[in-house]
């Protein structure tokens, strides 16, 4: 029983470490900031200094980042499915990874 519990703890620790590493390996936040300013900024507030998006219905990237439970997987899903109010912008895979990394870099540290 004790060895089963130890194995469970080790497995959980490995899963958490793998998940954290996967979050870090998404893309380059600096490159994502550039892509966001070139492609997304006409509708969204992409930098934390911007208090409002140019299009009010478009959420600020900082607000998206700080949505409860926001993950890379959730951002990938959101950014690769069409939305009625969003133009069908298709980013290259590397650009998409970088923008996701940038958005996640805006999360408030707790």
PDB file of N, CA and C in Angstrom:
ATOM      1  N   UNK A   1       0.831  -1.193   0.000  1.00  0.00           N
ATOM      2  CA  UNK A   1       0.000   0.000   0.000  1.00  0.00           C
ATOM      3  C   UNK A   1       0.870   1.250   0.000  1.00  0.00           C
ATOM      4  N   UNK A   2       1.907   1.213   0.812  1.00  0.00           N
ATOM      5  CA  UNK A   2       2.788   2.367   0.908  1.00  0.00           C
ATOM      6  C   UNK A   2       3.515   2.624  -0.412  1.00  0.00           C
ATOM      7  N   UNK A   3       3.939   1.566  -1.092  1.00  0.00           N
ATOM      8  CA  UNK A   3       4.628   1.728  -2.369  1.00  0.00           C
ATOM      9  C   UNK A   3       3.666   2.218  -3.453  1.00  0.00           C
ATOM     10  N   UNK A   4       2.405   1.838  -3.372  1.00  0.00           N
ATOM     11  CA  UNK A   4       1.409   2.322  -4.317  1.00  0.00           C
ATOM     12  C   UNK A   4       1.193   3.822  -4.137  1.00  0.00           C
ATOM     13  N   UNK A   5       1.165   4.266  -2.886  1.00  0.00           N
ATOM     14  CA  UNK A   5       0.996   5.686  -2.610  1.00  0.00           C
ATOM     15  C   UNK A   5       2.216   6.465  -3.103  1.00  0.00           C
ATOM     16  N   UNK A   6       3.399   5.952  -2.883  1.00  0.00           N
ATOM     17  CA  UNK A   6       4.619   6.589  -3.339  1.00  0.00           C
ATOM     18  C   UNK A   6       4.646   6.669  -4.866  1.00  0.00           C
ATOM     19  N   UNK A   7       4.249   5.599  -5.523  1.00  0.00           N
ATOM     20  CA  UNK A   7       4.179   5.589  -6.974  1.00  0.00           C
ATOM     21  C   UNK A   7       3.184   6.624  -7.487  1.00  0.00           C
ATOM     22  N   UNK A   8       2.058   6.772  -6.813  1.00  0.00           N
ATOM     23  CA  UNK A   8       1.046   7.768  -7.191  1.00  0.00           C
ATOM     24  C   UNK A   8       1.597   9.179  -7.053  1.00  0.00           C
ATOM     25  N   UNK A   9       2.311   9.451  -5.979  1.00  0.00           N
ATOM     26  CA  UNK A   9       2.888  10.776  -5.762  1.00  0.00           C
ATOM     27  C   UNK A   9       3.939  11.074  -6.834  1.00  0.00           C
ATOM     28  N   UNK A  10       4.779  10.114  -7.146  1.00  0.00           N
ATOM     29  CA  UNK A  10       5.808  10.307  -8.167  1.00  0.00           C
ATOM     30  C   UNK A  10       5.149  10.536  -9.532  1.00  0.00           C
ATOM     31  N   UNK A  11       4.127   9.776  -9.844  1.00  0.00           N
ATOM     32  CA  UNK A  11       3.421   9.938 -11.121  1.00  0.00           C
ATOM     33  C   UNK A  11       2.785  11.316 -11.226  1.00  0.00           C
ATOM     34  N   UNK A  12       2.165  11.762 -10.141  1.00  0.00           N
ATOM     35  CA  UNK A  12       1.538  13.082 -10.138  1.00  0.00           C
ATOM     36  C   UNK A  12       2.586  14.175 -10.326  1.00  0.00           C
ATOM     37  N   UNK A  13       3.713  14.049  -9.657  1.00  0.00           N
ATOM     38  CA  UNK A  13       4.784  15.039  -9.793  1.00  0.00           C
ATOM     39  C   UNK A  13       5.307  15.073 -11.226  1.00  0.00           C
ATOM     40  N   UNK A  14       5.454  13.917 -11.853  1.00  0.00           N
ATOM     41  CA  UNK A  14       5.914  13.862 -13.243  1.00  0.00           C
ATOM     42  C   UNK A  14       4.901  14.502 -14.185  1.00  0.00           C
ATOM     43  N   UNK A  15       3.625  14.263 -13.938  1.00  0.00           N
ATOM     44  CA  UNK A  15       2.573  14.852 -14.760  1.00  0.00           C
ATOM     45  C   UNK A  15       2.577  16.372 -14.646  1.00  0.00           C
ATOM     46  N   UNK A  16       2.720  16.881 -13.437  1.00  0.00           N
ATOM     47  CA  UNK A  16       2.758  18.334 -13.222  1.00  0.00           C
ATOM     48  C   UNK A  16       3.985  18.939 -13.899  1.00  0.00           C
ATOM     49  N   UNK A  17       5.136  18.296 -13.776  1.00  0.00           N
ATOM     50  CA  UNK A  17       6.359  18.808 -14.403  1.00  0.00           C
ATOM     51  C   UNK A  17       6.237  18.808 -15.918  1.00  0.00           C
ATOM     52  N   UNK A  18       5.656  17.753 -16.489  1.00  0.00           N
ATOM     53  CA  UNK A  18       5.461  17.673 -17.931  1.00  0.00           C
ATOM     54  C   UNK A  18       4.509  18.755 -18.402  1.00  0.00           C
ATOM     55  N   UNK A  19       3.439  18.980 -17.662  1.00  0.00           N
ATOM     56  CA  UNK A  19       2.468  20.010 -18.022  1.00  0.00           C
ATOM     57  C   UNK A  19       3.100  21.389 -17.975  1.00  0.00           C
ATOM     58  N   UNK A  20       3.873  21.669 -16.946  1.00  0.00           N
ATOM     59  CA  UNK A  20       4.529  22.968 -16.816  1.00  0.00           C
ATOM     60  C   UNK A  20       5.521  23.173 -17.954  1.00  0.00           C
ATOM     61  N   UNK A  21       6.272  22.127 -18.304  1.00  0.00           N
ATOM     62  CA  UNK A  21       7.235  22.219 -19.392  1.00  0.00           C
ATOM     63  C   UNK A  21       6.514  22.458 -20.716  1.00  0.00           C
ATOM     64  N   UNK A  22       5.381  21.796 -20.931  1.00  0.00           N
ATOM     65  CA  UNK A  22       4.611  21.972 -22.156  1.00  0.00           C
ATOM     66  C   UNK A  22       4.119  23.412 -22.276  1.00  0.00           C
ATOM     67  N   UNK A  23       3.699  24.000 -21.153  1.00  0.00           N
ATOM     68  CA  UNK A  23       3.252  25.388 -21.173  1.00  0.00           C
ATOM     69  C   UNK A  23       4.409  26.304 -21.565  1.00  0.00           C
ATOM     70  N   UNK A  24       5.613  26.024 -21.080  1.00  0.00           N
ATOM     71  CA  UNK A  24       6.770  26.865 -21.366  1.00  0.00           C
ATOM     72  C   UNK A  24       7.239  26.718 -22.808  1.00  0.00           C
ATOM     73  N   UNK A  25       7.027  25.540 -23.413  1.00  0.00           N
ATOM     74  CA  UNK A  25       7.535  25.246 -24.749  1.00  0.00           C
ATOM     75  C   UNK A  25       6.555  25.598 -25.861  1.00  0.00           C
ATOM     76  N   UNK A  26       5.527  26.350 -25.549  1.00  0.00           N
ATOM     77  CA  UNK A  26       4.504  26.666 -26.542  1.00  0.00           C
ATOM     78  C   UNK A  26       5.087  27.460 -27.692  1.00  0.00           C
ATOM     79  N   UNK A  27       5.709  28.564 -27.404  1.00  0.00           N
ATOM     80  CA  UNK A  27       6.252  29.440 -28.434  1.00  0.00           C
ATOM     81  C   UNK A  27       7.022  30.573 -27.791  1.00  0.00           C
ATOM     82  N   UNK A  28       7.322  31.556 -28.596  1.00  0.00           N
ATOM     83  CA  UNK A  28       8.114  32.701 -28.150  1.00  0.00           C
ATOM     84  C   UNK A  28       7.184  33.886 -27.898  1.00  0.00           C
ATOM     85  N   UNK A  29       7.019  34.294 -26.632  1.00  0.00           N
ATOM     86  CA  UNK A  29       6.118  35.406 -26.330  1.00  0.00           C
ATOM     87  C   UNK A  29       6.513  36.720 -27.010  1.00  0.00           C
ATOM     88  N   UNK A  30       7.814  36.965 -27.158  1.00  0.00           N
ATOM     89  CA  UNK A  30       8.250  38.210 -27.807  1.00  0.00           C
ATOM     90  C   UNK A  30       7.850  38.225 -29.281  1.00  0.00           C
ATOM     91  N   UNK A  31       8.038  37.104 -29.946  1.00  0.00           N
ATOM     92  CA  UNK A  31       7.611  37.006 -31.346  1.00  0.00           C
ATOM     93  C   UNK A  31       6.088  37.087 -31.426  1.00  0.00           C
ATOM     94  N   UNK A  32       5.402  36.510 -30.448  1.00  0.00           N
ATOM     95  CA  UNK A  32       3.947  36.572 -30.413  1.00  0.00           C
ATOM     96  C   UNK A  32       3.433  37.983 -30.237  1.00  0.00           C
ATOM     97  N   UNK A  33       4.142  38.788 -29.467  1.00  0.00           N
ATOM     98  CA  UNK A  33       3.750  40.195 -29.285  1.00  0.00           C
ATOM     99  C   UNK A  33       3.835  40.948 -30.604  1.00  0.00           C
ATOM    100  N   UNK A  34       4.831  40.625 -31.395  1.00  0.00           N
ATOM    101  CA  UNK A  34       4.987  41.280 -32.704  1.00  0.00           C
ATOM    102  C   UNK A  34       3.849  40.868 -33.633  1.00  0.00           C
ATOM    103  N   UNK A  35       3.567  39.573 -33.701  1.00  0.00           N
ATOM    104  CA  UNK A  35       2.470  39.081 -34.542  1.00  0.00           C
ATOM    105  C   UNK A  35       1.150  39.700 -34.085  1.00  0.00           C
ATOM    106  N   UNK A  36       0.933  39.731 -32.781  1.00  0.00           N
ATOM    107  CA  UNK A  36      -0.307  40.302 -32.247  1.00  0.00           C
ATOM    108  C   UNK A  36      -0.441  41.769 -32.620  1.00  0.00           C
ATOM    109  N   UNK A  37       0.657  42.521 -32.534  1.00  0.00           N
ATOM    110  CA  UNK A  37       0.568  43.951 -32.863  1.00  0.00           C
ATOM    111  C   UNK A  37       0.340  44.165 -34.351  1.00  0.00           C
ATOM    112  N   UNK A  38       0.808  43.252 -35.186  1.00  0.00           N
ATOM    113  CA  UNK A  38       0.631  43.383 -36.631  1.00  0.00           C
ATOM    114  C   UNK A  38      -0.734  42.879 -37.107  1.00  0.00           C
ATOM    115  N   UNK A  39      -1.249  41.819 -36.494  1.00  0.00           N
ATOM    116  CA  UNK A  39      -2.454  41.165 -37.017  1.00  0.00           C
ATOM    117  C   UNK A  39      -3.676  41.367 -36.134  1.00  0.00           C
ATOM    118  N   UNK A  40      -3.497  41.348 -34.827  1.00  0.00           N
ATOM    119  CA  UNK A  40      -4.644  41.333 -33.910  1.00  0.00           C
ATOM    120  C   UNK A  40      -5.038  42.716 -33.391  1.00  0.00           C
ATOM    121  N   UNK A  41      -4.089  43.649 -33.431  1.00  0.00           N
ATOM    122  CA  UNK A  41      -4.289  44.941 -32.769  1.00  0.00           C
ATOM    123  C   UNK A  41      -5.338  45.829 -33.422  1.00  0.00           C
ATOM    124  N   UNK A  42      -5.747  45.531 -34.635  1.00  0.00           N
ATOM    125  CA  UNK A  42      -6.784  46.364 -35.246  1.00  0.00           C
ATOM    126  C   UNK A  42      -8.131  46.146 -34.562  1.00  0.00           C
ATOM    127  N   UNK A  43      -8.288  45.023 -33.870  1.00  0.00           N
ATOM    128  CA  UNK A  43      -9.537  44.734 -33.153  1.00  0.00           C
ATOM    129  C   UNK A  43      -9.341  44.628 -31.636  1.00  0.00           C
ATOM    130  N   UNK A  44      -8.226  44.017 -31.214  1.00  0.00           N
ATOM    131  CA  UNK A  44      -7.986  43.724 -29.797  1.00  0.00           C
ATOM    132  C   UNK A  44      -6.956  44.665 -29.185  1.00  0.00           C
ATOM    133  N   UNK A  45      -7.108  44.935 -27.899  1.00  0.00           N
ATOM    134  CA  UNK A  45      -6.043  45.575 -27.125  1.00  0.00           C
ATOM    135  C   UNK A  45      -5.044  44.464 -26.836  1.00  0.00           C
ATOM    136  N   UNK A  46      -3.874  44.539 -27.446  1.00  0.00           N
ATOM    137  CA  UNK A  46      -2.919  43.446 -27.313  1.00  0.00           C
ATOM    138  C   UNK A  46      -1.877  43.693 -26.221  1.00  0.00           C
ATOM    139  N   UNK A  47      -1.704  44.925 -25.803  1.00  0.00           N
ATOM    140  CA  UNK A  47      -0.731  45.196 -24.740  1.00  0.00           C
ATOM    141  C   UNK A  47      -1.462  45.586 -23.461  1.00  0.00           C
ATOM    142  N   UNK A  48      -0.869  45.280 -22.325  1.00  0.00           N
ATOM    143  CA  UNK A  48      -1.517  45.589 -21.043  1.00  0.00           C
ATOM    144  C   UNK A  48      -1.793  47.079 -20.839  1.00  0.00           C
ATOM    145  N   UNK A  49      -1.018  47.931 -21.510  1.00  0.00           N
ATOM    146  CA  UNK A  49      -1.206  49.371 -21.356  1.00  0.00           C
ATOM    147  C   UNK A  49      -2.505  49.854 -21.983  1.00  0.00           C
ATOM    148  N   UNK A  50      -3.015  49.100 -22.946  1.00  0.00           N
ATOM    149  CA  UNK A  50      -4.257  49.483 -23.615  1.00  0.00           C
ATOM    150  C   UNK A  50      -5.438  49.126 -22.717  1.00  0.00           C
ATOM    151  N   UNK A  51      -6.231  50.101 -22.362  1.00  0.00           N
ATOM    152  CA  UNK A  51      -7.357  49.870 -21.459  1.00  0.00           C
ATOM    153  C   UNK A  51      -8.610  49.403 -22.188  1.00  0.00           C
ATOM    154  N   UNK A  52      -8.674  49.640 -23.507  1.00  0.00           N
ATOM    155  CA  UNK A  52      -9.844  49.244 -24.289  1.00  0.00           C
ATOM    156  C   UNK A  52      -9.393  48.737 -25.650  1.00  0.00           C
ATOM    157  N   UNK A  53     -10.132  47.775 -26.181  1.00  0.00           N
ATOM    158  CA  UNK A  53      -9.872  47.300 -27.538  1.00  0.00           C
ATOM    159  C   UNK A  53     -10.454  48.290 -28.533  1.00  0.00           C
ATOM    160  N   UNK A  54      -9.843  48.414 -29.715  1.00  0.00           N
ATOM    161  CA  UNK A  54     -10.406  49.283 -30.751  1.00  0.00           C
ATOM    162  C   UNK A  54     -11.855  48.918 -31.097  1.00  0.00           C
ATOM    163  N   UNK A  55     -12.147  47.626 -31.079  1.00  0.00           N
ATOM    164  CA  UNK A  55     -13.524  47.160 -31.254  1.00  0.00           C
ATOM    165  C   UNK A  55     -13.975  46.655 -29.885  1.00  0.00           C
ATOM    166  N   UNK A  56     -14.956  47.312 -29.331  1.00  0.00           N
ATOM    167  CA  UNK A  56     -15.341  47.042 -27.939  1.00  0.00           C
ATOM    168  C   UNK A  56     -15.721  45.586 -27.670  1.00  0.00           C
ATOM    169  N   UNK A  57     -16.276  44.907 -28.661  1.00  0.00           N
ATOM    170  CA  UNK A  57     -16.674  43.506 -28.469  1.00  0.00           C
ATOM    171  C   UNK A  57     -15.477  42.553 -28.432  1.00  0.00           C
ATOM    172  N   UNK A  58     -14.332  43.017 -28.916  1.00  0.00           N
ATOM    173  CA  UNK A  58     -13.130  42.183 -28.948  1.00  0.00           C
ATOM    174  C   UNK A  58     -12.434  42.265 -27.590  1.00  0.00           C
ATOM    175  N   UNK A  59     -12.263  41.146 -26.923  1.00  0.00           N
ATOM    176  CA  UNK A  59     -11.655  41.201 -25.588  1.00  0.00           C
ATOM    177  C   UNK A  59     -10.187  41.615 -25.627  1.00  0.00           C
ATOM    178  N   UNK A  60      -9.772  42.279 -24.570  1.00  0.00           N
ATOM    179  CA  UNK A  60      -8.361  42.628 -24.392  1.00  0.00           C
ATOM    180  C   UNK A  60      -7.574  41.339 -24.156  1.00  0.00           C
ATOM    181  N   UNK A  61      -6.386  41.242 -24.699  1.00  0.00           N
ATOM    182  CA  UNK A  61      -5.584  40.037 -24.519  1.00  0.00           C
ATOM    183  C   UNK A  61      -5.284  39.784 -23.038  1.00  0.00           C
ATOM    184  N   UNK A  62      -5.085  40.844 -22.272  1.00  0.00           N
ATOM    185  CA  UNK A  62      -4.819  40.680 -20.838  1.00  0.00           C
ATOM    186  C   UNK A  62      -6.027  40.055 -20.141  1.00  0.00           C
ATOM    187  N   UNK A  63      -7.241  40.459 -20.545  1.00  0.00           N
ATOM    188  CA  UNK A  63      -8.451  39.874 -19.958  1.00  0.00           C
ATOM    189  C   UNK A  63      -8.589  38.405 -20.353  1.00  0.00           C
ATOM    190  N   UNK A  64      -8.260  38.092 -21.597  1.00  0.00           N
ATOM    191  CA  UNK A  64      -8.303  36.700 -22.048  1.00  0.00           C
ATOM    192  C   UNK A  64      -7.320  35.876 -21.224  1.00  0.00           C
ATOM    193  N   UNK A  65      -6.112  36.380 -21.069  1.00  0.00           N
ATOM    194  CA  UNK A  65      -5.072  35.663 -20.323  1.00  0.00           C
ATOM    195  C   UNK A  65      -5.493  35.382 -18.895  1.00  0.00           C
ATOM    196  N   UNK A  66      -6.227  36.313 -18.302  1.00  0.00           N
ATOM    197  CA  UNK A  66      -6.598  36.179 -16.893  1.00  0.00           C
ATOM    198  C   UNK A  66      -7.994  35.612 -16.677  1.00  0.00           C
ATOM    199  N   UNK A  67      -8.559  35.042 -17.724  1.00  0.00           N
ATOM    200  CA  UNK A  67      -9.815  34.324 -17.585  1.00  0.00           C
ATOM    201  C   UNK A  67      -9.543  33.073 -16.760  1.00  0.00           C
ATOM    202  N   UNK A  68     -10.388  32.803 -15.812  1.00  0.00           N
ATOM    203  CA  UNK A  68     -10.204  31.647 -14.939  1.00  0.00           C
ATOM    204  C   UNK A  68     -10.046  30.363 -15.751  1.00  0.00           C
ATOM    205  N   UNK A  69      -9.001  29.621 -15.452  1.00  0.00           N
ATOM    206  CA  UNK A  69      -8.764  28.340 -16.104  1.00  0.00           C
ATOM    207  C   UNK A  69      -8.148  28.438 -17.491  1.00  0.00           C
ATOM    208  N   UNK A  70      -7.694  29.622 -17.901  1.00  0.00           N
ATOM    209  CA  UNK A  70      -7.141  29.777 -19.246  1.00  0.00           C
ATOM    210  C   UNK A  70      -5.856  28.970 -19.381  1.00  0.00           C
ATOM    211  N   UNK A  71      -5.802  28.190 -20.442  1.00  0.00           N
ATOM    212  CA  UNK A  71      -4.642  27.351 -20.734  1.00  0.00           C
ATOM    213  C   UNK A  71      -4.259  27.507 -22.195  1.00  0.00           C
ATOM    214  N   UNK A  72      -3.108  26.979 -22.544  1.00  0.00           N
ATOM    215  CA  UNK A  72      -2.684  26.989 -23.941  1.00  0.00           C
ATOM    216  C   UNK A  72      -3.681  26.218 -24.793  1.00  0.00           C
ATOM    217  N   UNK A  73      -4.128  25.084 -24.296  1.00  0.00           N
ATOM    218  CA  UNK A  73      -5.069  24.269 -25.055  1.00  0.00           C
ATOM    219  C   UNK A  73      -6.362  25.044 -25.330  1.00  0.00           C
ATOM    220  N   UNK A  74      -6.849  25.760 -24.336  1.00  0.00           N
ATOM    221  CA  UNK A  74      -8.074  26.545 -24.515  1.00  0.00           C
ATOM    222  C   UNK A  74      -7.858  27.651 -25.547  1.00  0.00           C
ATOM    223  N   UNK A  75      -6.695  28.297 -25.509  1.00  0.00           N
ATOM    224  CA  UNK A  75      -6.405  29.350 -26.482  1.00  0.00           C
ATOM    225  C   UNK A  75      -6.278  28.787 -27.893  1.00  0.00           C
ATOM    226  N   UNK A  76      -5.603  27.644 -28.028  1.00  0.00           N
ATOM    227  CA  UNK A  76      -5.493  27.021 -29.348  1.00  0.00           C
ATOM    228  C   UNK A  76      -6.878  26.704 -29.895  1.00  0.00           C
ATOM    229  N   UNK A  77      -7.741  26.144 -29.052  1.00  0.00           N
ATOM    230  CA  UNK A  77      -9.100  25.808 -29.493  1.00  0.00           C
ATOM    231  C   UNK A  77      -9.870  27.058 -29.898  1.00  0.00           C
ATOM    232  N   UNK A  78      -9.770  28.084 -29.100  1.00  0.00           N
ATOM    233  CA  UNK A  78     -10.486  29.330 -29.377  1.00  0.00           C
ATOM    234  C   UNK A  78      -9.988  29.986 -30.657  1.00  0.00           C
ATOM    235  N   UNK A  79      -8.685  29.978 -30.848  1.00  0.00           N
ATOM    236  CA  UNK A  79      -8.111  30.694 -31.991  1.00  0.00           C
ATOM    237  C   UNK A  79      -8.175  29.907 -33.290  1.00  0.00           C
ATOM    238  N   UNK A  80      -8.556  28.649 -33.236  1.00  0.00           N
ATOM    239  CA  UNK A  80      -8.636  27.851 -34.463  1.00  0.00           C
ATOM    240  C   UNK A  80     -10.074  27.481 -34.824  1.00  0.00           C
ATOM    241  N   UNK A  81     -11.037  28.035 -34.100  1.00  0.00           N
ATOM    242  CA  UNK A  81     -12.433  27.845 -34.464  1.00  0.00           C
ATOM    243  C   UNK A  81     -13.022  29.201 -34.827  1.00  0.00           C
ATOM    244  N   UNK A  82     -13.978  29.187 -35.741  1.00  0.00           N
ATOM    245  CA  UNK A  82     -14.536  30.456 -36.179  1.00  0.00           C
ATOM    246  C   UNK A  82     -15.520  30.998 -35.143  1.00  0.00           C
ATOM    247  N   UNK A  83     -15.605  32.314 -35.120  1.00  0.00           N
ATOM    248  CA  UNK A  83     -16.537  33.025 -34.246  1.00  0.00           C
ATOM    249  C   UNK A  83     -17.335  33.982 -35.120  1.00  0.00           C
ATOM    250  N   UNK A  84     -18.604  34.160 -34.835  1.00  0.00           N
ATOM    251  CA  UNK A  84     -19.418  35.033 -35.681  1.00  0.00           C
ATOM    252  C   UNK A  84     -18.906  36.471 -35.752  1.00  0.00           C
ATOM    253  N   UNK A  85     -18.299  36.967 -34.695  1.00  0.00           N
ATOM    254  CA  UNK A  85     -17.864  38.367 -34.682  1.00  0.00           C
ATOM    255  C   UNK A  85     -16.387  38.537 -35.013  1.00  0.00           C
ATOM    256  N   UNK A  86     -15.694  37.439 -35.311  1.00  0.00           N
ATOM    257  CA  UNK A  86     -14.259  37.515 -35.582  1.00  0.00           C
ATOM    258  C   UNK A  86     -13.977  37.099 -37.016  1.00  0.00           C
ATOM    259  N   UNK A  87     -13.135  37.870 -37.727  1.00  0.00           N
ATOM    260  CA  UNK A  87     -12.787  37.455 -39.097  1.00  0.00           C
ATOM    261  C   UNK A  87     -12.029  36.134 -39.070  1.00  0.00           C
ATOM    262  N   UNK A  88     -12.091  35.401 -40.140  1.00  0.00           N
ATOM    263  CA  UNK A  88     -11.442  34.092 -40.220  1.00  0.00           C
ATOM    264  C   UNK A  88      -9.963  34.275 -40.545  1.00  0.00           C
ATOM    265  N   UNK A  89      -9.189  34.616 -39.513  1.00  0.00           N
ATOM    266  CA  UNK A  89      -7.746  34.813 -39.672  1.00  0.00           C
ATOM    267  C   UNK A  89      -7.056  33.485 -39.391  1.00  0.00           C
ATOM    268  N   UNK A  90      -6.253  33.043 -40.344  1.00  0.00           N
ATOM    269  CA  UNK A  90      -5.530  31.777 -40.176  1.00  0.00           C
ATOM    270  C   UNK A  90      -4.050  32.102 -40.035  1.00  0.00           C
ATOM    271  N   UNK A  91      -3.529  31.813 -38.864  1.00  0.00           N
ATOM    272  CA  UNK A  91      -2.113  32.063 -38.588  1.00  0.00           C
ATOM    273  C   UNK A  91      -1.296  30.834 -38.935  1.00  0.00           C
ATOM    274  N   UNK A  92      -0.075  31.056 -39.347  1.00  0.00           N
ATOM    275  CA  UNK A  92       0.865  29.949 -39.519  1.00  0.00           C
ATOM    276  C   UNK A  92       1.044  29.275 -38.161  1.00  0.00           C
ATOM    277  N   UNK A  93       1.298  27.967 -38.124  1.00  0.00           N
ATOM    278  CA  UNK A  93       1.418  27.262 -36.835  1.00  0.00           C
ATOM    279  C   UNK A  93       2.403  27.912 -35.859  1.00  0.00           C
ATOM    280  N   UNK A  94       3.555  28.348 -36.351  1.00  0.00           N
ATOM    281  CA  UNK A  94       4.542  28.985 -35.455  1.00  0.00           C
ATOM    282  C   UNK A  94       4.004  30.309 -34.907  1.00  0.00           C
ATOM    283  N   UNK A  95       3.348  31.087 -35.758  1.00  0.00           N
ATOM    284  CA  UNK A  95       2.767  32.348 -35.303  1.00  0.00           C
ATOM    285  C   UNK A  95       1.680  32.099 -34.261  1.00  0.00           C
ATOM    286  N   UNK A  96       0.866  31.078 -34.494  1.00  0.00           N
ATOM    287  CA  UNK A  96      -0.189  30.737 -33.541  1.00  0.00           C
ATOM    288  C   UNK A  96       0.414  30.363 -32.193  1.00  0.00           C
ATOM    289  N   UNK A  97       1.442  29.513 -32.193  1.00  0.00           N
ATOM    290  CA  UNK A  97       2.111  29.130 -30.936  1.00  0.00           C
ATOM    291  C   UNK A  97       2.688  30.355 -30.235  1.00  0.00           C
ATOM    292  N   UNK A  98       3.272  31.260 -31.009  1.00  0.00           N
ATOM    293  CA  UNK A  98       3.875  32.454 -30.414  1.00  0.00           C
ATOM    294  C   UNK A  98       2.827  33.386 -29.824  1.00  0.00           C
ATOM    295  N   UNK A  99       1.701  33.569 -30.515  1.00  0.00           N
ATOM    296  CA  UNK A  99       0.641  34.426 -29.980  1.00  0.00           C
ATOM    297  C   UNK A  99       0.059  33.807 -28.706  1.00  0.00           C
ATOM    298  N   UNK A 100      -0.133  32.501 -28.701  1.00  0.00           N
ATOM    299  CA  UNK A 100      -0.622  31.834 -27.489  1.00  0.00           C
ATOM    300  C   UNK A 100       0.364  32.047 -26.345  1.00  0.00           C
ATOM    301  N   UNK A 101       1.656  31.890 -26.623  1.00  0.00           N
ATOM    302  CA  UNK A 101       2.676  32.114 -25.581  1.00  0.00           C
ATOM    303  C   UNK A 101       2.631  33.549 -25.088  1.00  0.00           C
ATOM    304  N   UNK A 102       2.425  34.492 -26.013  1.00  0.00           N
ATOM    305  CA  UNK A 102       2.349  35.898 -25.614  1.00  0.00           C
ATOM    306  C   UNK A 102       1.139  36.143 -24.717  1.00  0.00           C
ATOM    307  N   UNK A 103      -0.012  35.652 -25.126  1.00  0.00           N
ATOM    308  CA  UNK A 103      -1.218  35.857 -24.318  1.00  0.00           C
ATOM    309  C   UNK A 103      -1.021  35.264 -22.923  1.00  0.00           C
ATOM    310  N   UNK A 104      -0.482  34.054 -22.861  1.00  0.00           N
ATOM    311  CA  UNK A 104      -0.267  33.431 -21.542  1.00  0.00           C
ATOM    312  C   UNK A 104       0.758  34.205 -20.717  1.00  0.00           C
ATOM    313  N   UNK A 105       1.678  34.904 -21.381  1.00  0.00           N
ATOM    314  CA  UNK A 105       2.671  35.687 -20.636  1.00  0.00           C
ATOM    315  C   UNK A 105       2.025  36.886 -19.940  1.00  0.00           C
ATOM    316  N   UNK A 106       0.806  37.216 -20.339  1.00  0.00           N
ATOM    317  CA  UNK A 106       0.088  38.349 -19.722  1.00  0.00           C
ATOM    318  C   UNK A 106      -0.659  37.949 -18.452  1.00  0.00           C
ATOM    319  N   UNK A 107      -0.632  36.660 -18.123  1.00  0.00           N
ATOM    320  CA  UNK A 107      -1.330  36.221 -16.909  1.00  0.00           C
ATOM    321  C   UNK A 107      -0.690  36.838 -15.682  1.00  0.00           C
ATOM    322  N   UNK A 108      -1.564  37.298 -14.783  1.00  0.00           N
ATOM    323  CA  UNK A 108      -1.077  37.871 -13.528  1.00  0.00           C
ATOM    324  C   UNK A 108      -0.474  36.761 -12.678  1.00  0.00           C
ATOM    325  N   UNK A 109       0.692  37.027 -12.128  1.00  0.00           N
ATOM    326  CA  UNK A 109       1.330  36.064 -11.238  1.00  0.00           C
ATOM    327  C   UNK A 109       0.677  36.149  -9.863  1.00  0.00           C
ATOM    328  N   UNK A 110       0.317  35.008  -9.332  1.00  0.00           N
ATOM    329  CA  UNK A 110      -0.389  35.003  -8.062  1.00  0.00           C
ATOM    330  C   UNK A 110       0.477  34.557  -6.934  1.00  0.00           C
TER     331      UNK A 110
END
